[in-house]
Protein backbone atom coordinates (compact mmCIF):
# COMPACT_ATOMS: atom_id res chain seq x y z
CA MET A 1 -22.26 5.35 -85.98
CA THR A 2 -24.35 7.77 -87.14
CA PRO A 3 -25.20 10.98 -83.99
CA ARG A 4 -28.40 10.14 -82.81
CA ASP A 5 -31.07 12.45 -83.01
CA VAL A 6 -31.55 14.10 -80.12
CA SER A 7 -33.81 17.48 -81.46
CA GLY A 8 -36.32 16.17 -78.48
CA ASP A 9 -34.24 16.26 -75.71
CA ASN A 10 -35.30 19.21 -73.05
CA SER A 11 -32.55 18.50 -71.57
CA ARG A 12 -30.81 20.72 -73.65
CA TRP A 13 -32.60 24.02 -72.08
CA SER A 14 -29.20 24.41 -70.15
CA ASP A 15 -28.83 28.39 -71.65
CA LEU A 16 -32.41 29.74 -71.92
CA ASP A 17 -29.92 32.68 -74.46
CA ARG A 18 -28.94 29.09 -76.52
CA PRO A 19 -31.92 27.09 -76.82
CA PRO A 20 -32.13 24.37 -79.44
CA LEU A 21 -32.47 24.26 -82.29
CA ASN A 22 -36.55 22.53 -83.76
CA ALA A 23 -35.41 19.48 -86.09
CA ALA A 24 -38.79 18.54 -86.63
CA ALA A 25 -40.20 23.11 -87.65
CA LEU A 26 -37.25 22.73 -90.11
CA ARG A 27 -37.73 19.59 -91.98
CA ARG A 28 -41.87 20.97 -92.25
CA ALA A 29 -40.23 24.62 -93.16
CA LEU A 30 -37.28 23.28 -95.87
CA VAL A 31 -38.44 19.32 -97.43
CA ARG A 32 -40.69 19.46 -99.52
CA GLU A 33 -42.08 17.99 -102.97
CA GLY A 34 -39.53 19.37 -106.26
CA GLY A 35 -37.25 20.68 -103.58
CA LEU A 36 -33.25 20.23 -103.01
CA TRP A 37 -33.43 19.47 -99.67
CA SER A 38 -34.07 15.58 -99.13
CA GLY A 39 -33.82 15.47 -95.44
CA VAL A 40 -32.64 18.23 -91.87
CA GLU A 41 -30.80 15.73 -89.33
CA VAL A 42 -29.84 18.25 -86.06
CA VAL A 43 -27.87 15.91 -83.51
CA GLN A 44 -26.40 17.54 -79.91
CA SER A 45 -22.58 16.88 -80.66
CA THR A 46 -20.19 15.02 -83.31
CA GLY A 47 -16.89 15.88 -84.23
CA SER A 48 -17.21 17.03 -87.51
CA THR A 49 -20.80 17.29 -89.74
CA ASN A 50 -18.75 17.19 -93.37
CA SER A 51 -16.51 13.75 -92.06
CA ASP A 52 -20.03 12.78 -91.01
CA LEU A 53 -21.82 13.29 -93.59
CA VAL A 54 -18.64 12.02 -96.37
CA ALA A 55 -18.86 8.96 -95.16
CA LEU A 56 -22.63 9.15 -95.33
CA ALA A 57 -22.65 9.10 -99.02
CA GLY A 58 -20.23 6.64 -98.94
CA GLU A 59 -22.16 3.80 -97.54
CA GLY A 60 -24.87 5.83 -99.71
CA LYS A 61 -26.40 6.05 -96.83
CA ALA A 62 -27.35 9.60 -98.29
CA THR A 63 -28.98 11.15 -101.07
CA GLU A 64 -28.62 14.82 -103.06
CA GLY A 65 -30.02 17.51 -100.18
CA ALA A 66 -28.67 16.20 -96.59
CA VAL A 67 -28.53 18.31 -94.61
CA LEU A 68 -27.31 17.52 -90.48
CA VAL A 69 -26.63 20.07 -88.65
CA ALA A 70 -24.47 20.07 -84.83
CA GLU A 71 -25.83 21.77 -81.97
CA GLU A 72 -21.55 21.63 -81.17
CA GLN A 73 -18.49 20.28 -82.91
CA SER A 74 -15.56 18.69 -80.99
CA ALA A 75 -13.65 18.23 -84.61
CA GLY A 76 -14.96 20.80 -86.38
CA ARG A 77 -12.30 22.09 -89.57
CA GLY A 78 -11.83 25.11 -91.83
CA ARG A 79 -9.70 25.16 -94.99
CA LEU A 80 -6.38 24.09 -94.24
CA ASP A 81 -7.41 21.77 -91.55
CA ARG A 82 -7.80 23.71 -89.43
CA GLN A 83 -10.33 23.39 -85.69
CA TRP A 84 -13.26 25.33 -85.36
CA THR A 85 -14.66 25.39 -82.07
CA ALA A 86 -17.20 26.98 -80.49
CA PRO A 87 -19.60 26.57 -78.13
CA ALA A 88 -22.83 24.39 -78.06
CA ARG A 89 -25.29 26.39 -79.80
CA SER A 90 -23.58 29.31 -79.90
CA GLY A 91 -22.99 28.92 -83.79
CA LEU A 92 -24.83 26.82 -87.15
CA PHE A 93 -23.19 24.07 -87.91
CA PHE A 94 -24.03 22.49 -90.62
CA SER A 95 -23.64 20.59 -93.39
CA VAL A 96 -24.75 19.73 -97.01
CA LEU A 97 -24.59 16.63 -99.62
CA LEU A 98 -24.72 18.03 -103.20
CA THR A 99 -24.28 15.33 -107.24
CA PRO A 100 -24.36 19.06 -109.46
CA SER A 101 -24.30 15.98 -112.39
CA GLU A 102 -25.54 18.18 -114.93
CA VAL A 103 -22.32 20.85 -114.25
CA PRO A 104 -19.26 19.66 -115.91
CA VAL A 105 -16.51 18.76 -112.32
CA ALA A 106 -13.96 21.50 -113.75
CA ARG A 107 -16.53 24.40 -112.62
CA TRP A 108 -17.58 22.37 -109.11
CA GLY A 109 -14.92 24.85 -107.72
CA TRP A 110 -17.10 27.20 -108.25
CA LEU A 111 -19.40 25.31 -104.38
CA PRO A 112 -17.80 26.83 -102.42
CA LEU A 113 -17.75 30.64 -103.36
CA LEU A 114 -21.90 29.93 -104.10
CA THR A 115 -22.01 28.62 -100.73
CA GLY A 116 -20.34 31.38 -99.53
CA VAL A 117 -23.16 34.14 -101.59
CA ALA A 118 -26.21 32.84 -100.43
CA VAL A 119 -24.57 31.85 -97.26
CA ALA A 120 -24.36 36.83 -97.27
CA THR A 121 -27.81 36.30 -99.27
CA GLY A 122 -29.48 34.52 -96.18
CA LEU A 123 -27.77 36.13 -93.22
CA SER A 124 -28.70 39.60 -94.27
CA ARG A 125 -32.31 38.87 -95.22
CA ALA A 126 -32.46 36.81 -91.46
CA ALA A 127 -30.15 38.26 -89.08
CA GLY A 128 -29.69 41.60 -90.71
CA VAL A 129 -26.15 42.19 -90.96
CA ASP A 130 -23.58 42.32 -94.04
CA THR A 131 -22.10 40.60 -94.55
CA ALA A 132 -18.93 40.30 -96.99
CA LEU A 133 -16.61 37.39 -98.54
CA LYS A 134 -13.21 37.16 -97.93
CA TRP A 135 -11.76 34.93 -101.37
CA PRO A 136 -11.89 32.21 -101.64
CA ASN A 137 -14.42 31.12 -98.42
CA ASP A 138 -14.06 33.23 -95.17
CA LEU A 139 -17.56 35.26 -94.01
CA LEU A 140 -16.86 37.98 -92.76
CA VAL A 141 -18.84 41.34 -90.08
CA THR A 142 -17.58 44.19 -89.11
CA VAL A 143 -17.54 45.26 -85.68
CA GLY A 144 -16.07 48.37 -83.66
CA GLY A 145 -15.70 49.18 -87.34
CA ALA A 146 -12.80 46.61 -88.11
CA GLU A 147 -13.39 42.70 -89.82
CA ARG A 148 -13.76 40.46 -88.24
CA LYS A 149 -14.81 36.50 -89.45
CA THR A 150 -17.20 35.72 -88.05
CA GLY A 151 -18.01 32.19 -90.83
CA GLY A 152 -16.06 29.62 -93.33
CA ILE A 153 -16.72 27.74 -95.90
CA LEU A 154 -15.12 24.28 -96.45
CA ALA A 155 -16.66 21.60 -99.48
CA GLU A 156 -15.50 17.92 -100.09
CA ARG A 157 -15.90 15.19 -102.54
CA ALA A 158 -17.94 12.21 -101.54
CA GLY A 159 -17.23 9.58 -104.07
CA ASP A 160 -17.81 10.22 -107.42
CA ASP A 161 -20.47 12.06 -108.09
CA GLY A 162 -20.89 14.73 -105.05
CA VAL A 163 -19.87 17.11 -102.66
CA VAL A 164 -20.66 18.06 -99.12
CA VAL A 165 -20.15 22.13 -98.97
CA GLY A 166 -19.46 22.11 -94.64
CA VAL A 167 -20.62 26.49 -92.96
CA GLY A 168 -19.62 26.99 -89.82
CA ILE A 169 -21.66 30.73 -88.73
CA ASN A 170 -20.20 32.05 -85.23
CA VAL A 171 -23.86 33.02 -84.09
CA THR A 172 -23.86 34.85 -80.37
CA LEU A 173 -19.91 34.45 -79.26
CA ARG A 174 -19.87 36.96 -76.82
CA GLU A 175 -16.22 38.45 -76.76
CA ASP A 176 -15.01 36.36 -74.23
CA GLU A 177 -15.49 33.46 -76.11
CA LEU A 178 -13.97 34.34 -79.49
CA PRO A 179 -11.17 31.58 -79.79
CA VAL A 180 -9.15 34.57 -81.66
CA PRO A 181 -9.19 38.04 -81.69
CA GLN A 182 -9.85 38.49 -85.00
CA ALA A 183 -13.18 36.53 -84.63
CA GLY A 184 -16.51 38.06 -84.67
CA SER A 185 -20.58 36.88 -84.53
CA LEU A 186 -23.27 38.03 -86.26
CA ALA A 187 -24.59 39.20 -81.70
CA LEU A 188 -21.56 41.50 -81.85
CA ALA A 189 -22.47 42.73 -85.20
CA GLY A 190 -25.04 43.76 -84.23
CA ALA A 191 -27.69 41.39 -85.44
CA VAL A 192 -31.54 42.15 -85.54
CA SER A 193 -32.34 38.72 -84.90
CA THR A 194 -29.75 35.52 -83.44
CA ASP A 195 -32.44 33.27 -83.06
CA ARG A 196 -31.17 30.64 -84.73
CA ASP A 197 -33.99 28.49 -87.10
CA PRO A 198 -35.17 31.14 -88.77
CA LEU A 199 -31.25 32.25 -90.05
CA LEU A 200 -30.86 28.43 -90.90
CA ARG A 201 -34.04 28.37 -92.61
CA GLY A 202 -32.96 31.62 -94.36
CA VAL A 203 -28.86 29.91 -95.49
CA LEU A 204 -30.89 26.97 -96.73
CA ARG A 205 -33.76 28.11 -99.07
CA SER A 206 -31.13 31.07 -100.23
CA LEU A 207 -28.90 28.24 -101.20
CA GLU A 208 -31.76 26.27 -102.50
CA GLN A 209 -31.77 29.63 -104.90
CA TRP A 210 -28.62 29.66 -106.22
CA TYR A 211 -27.59 26.04 -106.11
CA GLU A 212 -30.09 25.33 -108.62
CA LYS A 213 -29.56 28.61 -110.90
CA TRP A 214 -26.37 27.43 -111.37
CA ARG A 215 -26.98 24.10 -111.89
CA SER A 216 -29.81 25.34 -114.69
CA VAL A 217 -27.08 27.20 -116.29
CA GLU A 218 -24.41 23.70 -116.71
CA GLY A 219 -22.95 26.21 -113.65
CA ASP A 220 -21.00 28.95 -115.45
CA PRO A 221 -20.45 31.75 -112.99
CA ALA A 222 -21.36 33.84 -115.53
CA ARG A 223 -24.53 33.17 -117.45
CA SER A 224 -25.70 32.86 -113.32
CA GLY A 225 -25.06 35.93 -112.30
CA LEU A 226 -22.62 34.03 -110.03
CA GLN A 227 -19.06 35.52 -111.04
CA GLU A 228 -20.79 39.61 -111.03
CA THR A 229 -22.59 39.03 -107.35
CA TYR A 230 -19.20 37.23 -105.92
CA ALA A 231 -16.71 39.73 -107.32
CA ALA A 232 -19.89 42.65 -105.73
CA GLY A 233 -19.56 41.11 -101.66
CA CYS A 234 -16.03 40.53 -102.11
CA ALA A 235 -14.00 42.63 -99.85
CA THR A 236 -10.82 41.26 -100.82
CA LEU A 237 -11.71 42.50 -104.18
CA GLY A 238 -9.23 46.64 -104.97
CA ARG A 239 -6.80 45.37 -101.82
CA VAL A 240 -3.72 45.40 -101.43
CA VAL A 241 -3.55 41.43 -100.16
CA ARG A 242 -0.84 38.81 -99.64
CA ALA A 243 -1.11 35.73 -100.62
CA GLU A 244 0.16 32.59 -98.78
CA LEU A 245 1.14 29.49 -101.50
CA PRO A 246 1.69 26.30 -101.80
CA GLY A 247 5.68 25.27 -101.12
CA GLU A 248 6.22 28.50 -98.88
CA ARG A 249 5.75 30.70 -101.60
CA SER A 250 3.70 34.15 -100.97
CA LEU A 251 2.66 36.75 -103.77
CA VAL A 252 1.98 40.34 -103.45
CA GLY A 253 -0.27 42.34 -104.84
CA GLU A 254 -4.29 43.34 -105.08
CA ALA A 255 -6.59 41.66 -105.89
CA VAL A 256 -8.17 42.59 -108.86
CA ALA A 257 -10.70 39.99 -109.67
CA ILE A 258 -12.76 36.46 -109.48
CA ASP A 259 -12.12 35.15 -113.04
CA GLY A 260 -13.92 32.48 -114.90
CA ASP A 261 -13.23 29.27 -112.95
CA GLY A 262 -13.37 31.44 -109.49
CA ARG A 263 -9.72 32.16 -109.24
CA LEU A 264 -8.52 35.30 -107.82
CA VAL A 265 -6.69 37.79 -110.02
CA ILE A 266 -3.29 39.86 -108.17
CA ALA A 267 -2.17 42.35 -110.41
CA THR A 268 2.15 42.80 -109.01
CA GLU A 269 4.54 45.42 -109.03
CA ASP A 270 5.53 44.05 -111.88
CA GLY A 271 2.33 44.17 -114.60
CA VAL A 272 1.27 40.81 -114.22
CA GLN A 273 -1.73 39.62 -113.40
CA ALA A 274 -1.70 35.63 -111.41
CA PRO A 275 -4.45 33.84 -110.99
CA VAL A 276 -4.47 31.65 -107.59
CA GLY A 277 -6.59 29.11 -107.13
CA ALA A 278 -5.67 27.60 -103.78
CA GLY A 279 -3.59 29.57 -100.86
CA ASP A 280 -3.92 32.01 -97.54
CA ILE A 281 -5.16 35.55 -98.15
CA VAL A 282 -3.93 38.39 -96.55
CA HIS A 283 -6.00 41.86 -96.22
CA LEU A 284 -2.40 44.17 -95.76
CA ARG A 285 -4.33 47.31 -96.20
CA PRO A 286 -7.05 49.34 -98.25
CA ALA A 287 -6.22 49.91 -102.23
């Protein structure tokens, strides 16, 4: 069952520091003729916006550019099926449906990285916070001189021709609300604004711009400028890292590049440059 749109429910004003999103205003600002975004729905609570949008796409009830936002997620998921939880209205939790038919499927793996660039760019403009990217899909901010994760991205296939990309961003979480000590929020990083409406508009406009640029060149990461821009904002490059790989294997070395397939290239002590396409990356220390 589709979650009910409750954007006009004033009972949600239970925390004046965390007002509800204005779905009608978001639609007016984002949905336009010839634009990417075809609809914006805000629901009070759901398990996972990614799961909901994948299901809607499978039922033919969502088209490209559909945006589903939840004020609260009870079963939000990150990579490797990790749980993502946060208090109601404390962050931005949303998913979008993309169908890049002009792009070869082999290049669809760039979509999470593209989303990371778009989110970092949008937050820099709208929140005044310098956001770095940890390969492949974490958003980092600096709190008290330390890197902390403030967001994540999860992409999932939706049928044969679609991808649902989900984004979670901690906006107003206080120190005592953080799920783990390594987590952060835009507020803790000194954001000039934590008003979620303009933050979401900024992020989605940035995502639209980057997606259209990437799609117009058939997903070529070099011609679109995506590969260079991602590398410039990636906090993983130049660091000594440990890659936790499938099969309980690990690889330690310096992260030296992002290759044309979006993989992280790690130079090991024995001189081998190994591309990593999937795995958990641990930043060990600056190079």
